[in-house]
Amino acid sequence: MSRVRVELFMVAGYLGFFAAEVAHWSEFELTALVLSISSLSLLLAGNWREFLLYAIGVAAGCGIEIGLGLIFRAQHWTDASLYGVPSWLPLVWGLGFIAIRRFGNLIVNGPQN
């Protein structure tokens, strides 16, 4: 699959996630949606080193969201299951790490098929 199609898939996935958030899906449903977007995005790209980047993003997301939440809680989620943070949030951090890298590569290298 071409690189541009993978990027369009990620954009569509993010739009779907935000639509689901606005529709007030449960935390479990949002987590399942983010996991499916993550899995498909990593599988369609075919670059397995991105999985490491995704894992680093998830770890950073956990550390920042949970760690900083212990110091100063600027946001509040009701019924968040991961130490006061929704379980889908660190997964979105992982996707964000991948999206930033892909967007940077798209700017530097141009669209590649």
Protein backbone atom coordinates (compact mmCIF):
# COMPACT_ATOMS: atom_id res chain seq x y z
CA MET A 1 0.00 0.00 0.00
CA SER A 2 1.36 3.41 -0.86
CA ARG A 3 2.58 5.74 1.82
CA VAL A 4 -0.05 8.38 1.03
CA ARG A 5 -2.86 5.85 1.50
CA VAL A 6 -1.43 4.87 4.89
CA GLU A 7 -1.39 8.53 5.92
CA LEU A 8 -4.99 8.97 4.76
CA PHE A 9 -5.94 5.91 6.79
CA MET A 10 -4.40 7.46 9.91
CA VAL A 11 -6.26 10.73 9.34
CA ALA A 12 -9.52 8.83 8.87
CA GLY A 13 -8.77 6.86 12.04
CA TYR A 14 -8.20 10.01 14.07
CA LEU A 15 -11.41 11.54 12.74
CA GLY A 16 -13.28 8.37 13.64
CA PHE A 17 -11.80 8.43 17.12
CA PHE A 18 -12.82 12.03 17.73
CA ALA A 19 -16.31 11.33 16.39
CA ALA A 20 -16.59 8.40 18.80
CA GLU A 21 -15.38 10.60 21.67
CA VAL A 22 -18.03 13.20 20.85
CA ALA A 23 -20.65 10.42 20.72
CA HIS A 24 -19.62 9.51 24.30
CA TRP A 25 -18.47 5.96 23.72
CA SER A 26 -17.31 4.07 26.77
CA GLU A 27 -13.64 3.88 27.66
CA PHE A 28 -13.55 0.23 26.59
CA GLU A 29 -15.03 1.03 23.17
CA LEU A 30 -12.58 3.89 22.63
CA THR A 31 -9.65 1.69 23.66
CA ALA A 32 -10.76 -1.01 21.23
CA LEU A 33 -11.06 1.59 18.46
CA VAL A 34 -7.59 3.00 19.13
CA LEU A 35 -6.08 -0.49 19.26
CA SER A 36 -7.65 -1.36 15.91
CA ILE A 37 -6.43 1.89 14.34
CA SER A 38 -2.96 1.27 15.77
CA SER A 39 -2.81 -2.32 14.57
CA LEU A 40 -4.01 -1.55 11.08
CA SER A 41 -1.73 1.45 10.78
CA LEU A 42 1.33 -0.56 11.78
CA LEU A 43 0.39 -3.52 9.59
CA LEU A 44 -0.39 -1.43 6.50
CA ALA A 45 2.85 0.53 6.75
CA GLY A 46 4.94 -2.63 6.75
CA ASN A 47 7.75 -0.93 8.71
CA TRP A 48 8.23 -2.97 11.86
CA ARG A 49 10.59 -0.42 13.41
CA GLU A 50 7.53 1.78 13.82
CA PHE A 51 6.29 -0.70 16.41
CA LEU A 52 9.26 0.29 18.60
CA LEU A 53 8.41 3.95 18.09
CA TYR A 54 4.80 3.19 18.99
CA ALA A 55 5.89 1.39 22.18
CA ILE A 56 8.10 4.34 23.14
CA GLY A 57 5.17 6.70 22.55
CA VAL A 58 2.85 4.59 24.71
CA ALA A 59 5.46 4.45 27.49
CA ALA A 60 6.04 8.20 27.28
CA GLY A 61 2.29 8.79 27.31
CA CYS A 62 1.87 6.67 30.44
CA GLY A 63 4.75 8.40 32.17
CA ILE A 64 3.64 11.89 31.30
CA GLU A 65 -0.09 11.48 31.85
CA ILE A 66 0.15 9.44 35.04
CA GLY A 67 3.33 11.05 36.40
CA LEU A 68 2.29 14.63 35.84
CA GLY A 69 -1.20 13.78 37.02
CA LEU A 70 0.26 12.91 40.41
CA ILE A 71 1.94 16.31 40.58
CA PHE A 72 -0.76 18.52 39.10
CA ARG A 73 -4.05 17.36 37.64
CA ALA A 74 -5.19 19.94 35.08
CA GLN A 75 -7.66 17.56 33.43
CA HIS A 76 -10.15 15.21 34.98
CA TRP A 77 -11.76 12.13 33.48
CA THR A 78 -14.63 10.39 35.21
CA ASP A 79 -14.19 6.64 35.65
CA ALA A 80 -10.69 6.54 34.13
CA SER A 81 -9.27 3.08 34.72
CA LEU A 82 -5.50 3.67 34.43
CA TYR A 83 -4.54 5.56 37.62
CA GLY A 84 -6.90 8.41 36.79
CA VAL A 85 -6.13 8.39 33.05
CA PRO A 86 -8.30 6.75 30.36
CA SER A 87 -6.68 3.58 29.02
CA TRP A 88 -6.92 4.84 25.43
CA LEU A 89 -4.88 8.00 26.08
CA PRO A 90 -1.36 6.48 26.16
CA LEU A 91 -2.26 4.52 23.01
CA VAL A 92 -3.10 7.78 21.26
CA TRP A 93 0.32 9.07 22.36
CA GLY A 94 1.89 6.11 20.54
CA LEU A 95 -0.12 6.91 17.42
CA GLY A 96 0.93 10.54 17.76
CA PHE A 97 4.61 9.56 17.77
CA ILE A 98 4.10 7.60 14.55
CA ALA A 99 2.00 10.34 12.93
CA ILE A 100 4.62 13.00 13.68
CA ARG A 101 7.40 10.85 12.18
CA ARG A 102 5.34 10.05 9.09
CA PHE A 103 4.36 13.67 8.61
CA GLY A 104 7.98 14.75 8.94
CA ASN A 105 9.08 12.14 6.41
CA LEU A 106 6.33 13.28 4.06
CA ILE A 107 7.61 16.87 4.25
CA VAL A 108 11.28 15.93 3.88
CA ASN A 109 11.00 13.16 1.28
CA GLY A 110 7.72 13.99 -0.46
CA PRO A 111 5.01 11.41 -1.19
CA GLN A 112 6.43 8.02 -2.07
CA ASN A 113 4.58 5.16 -3.69
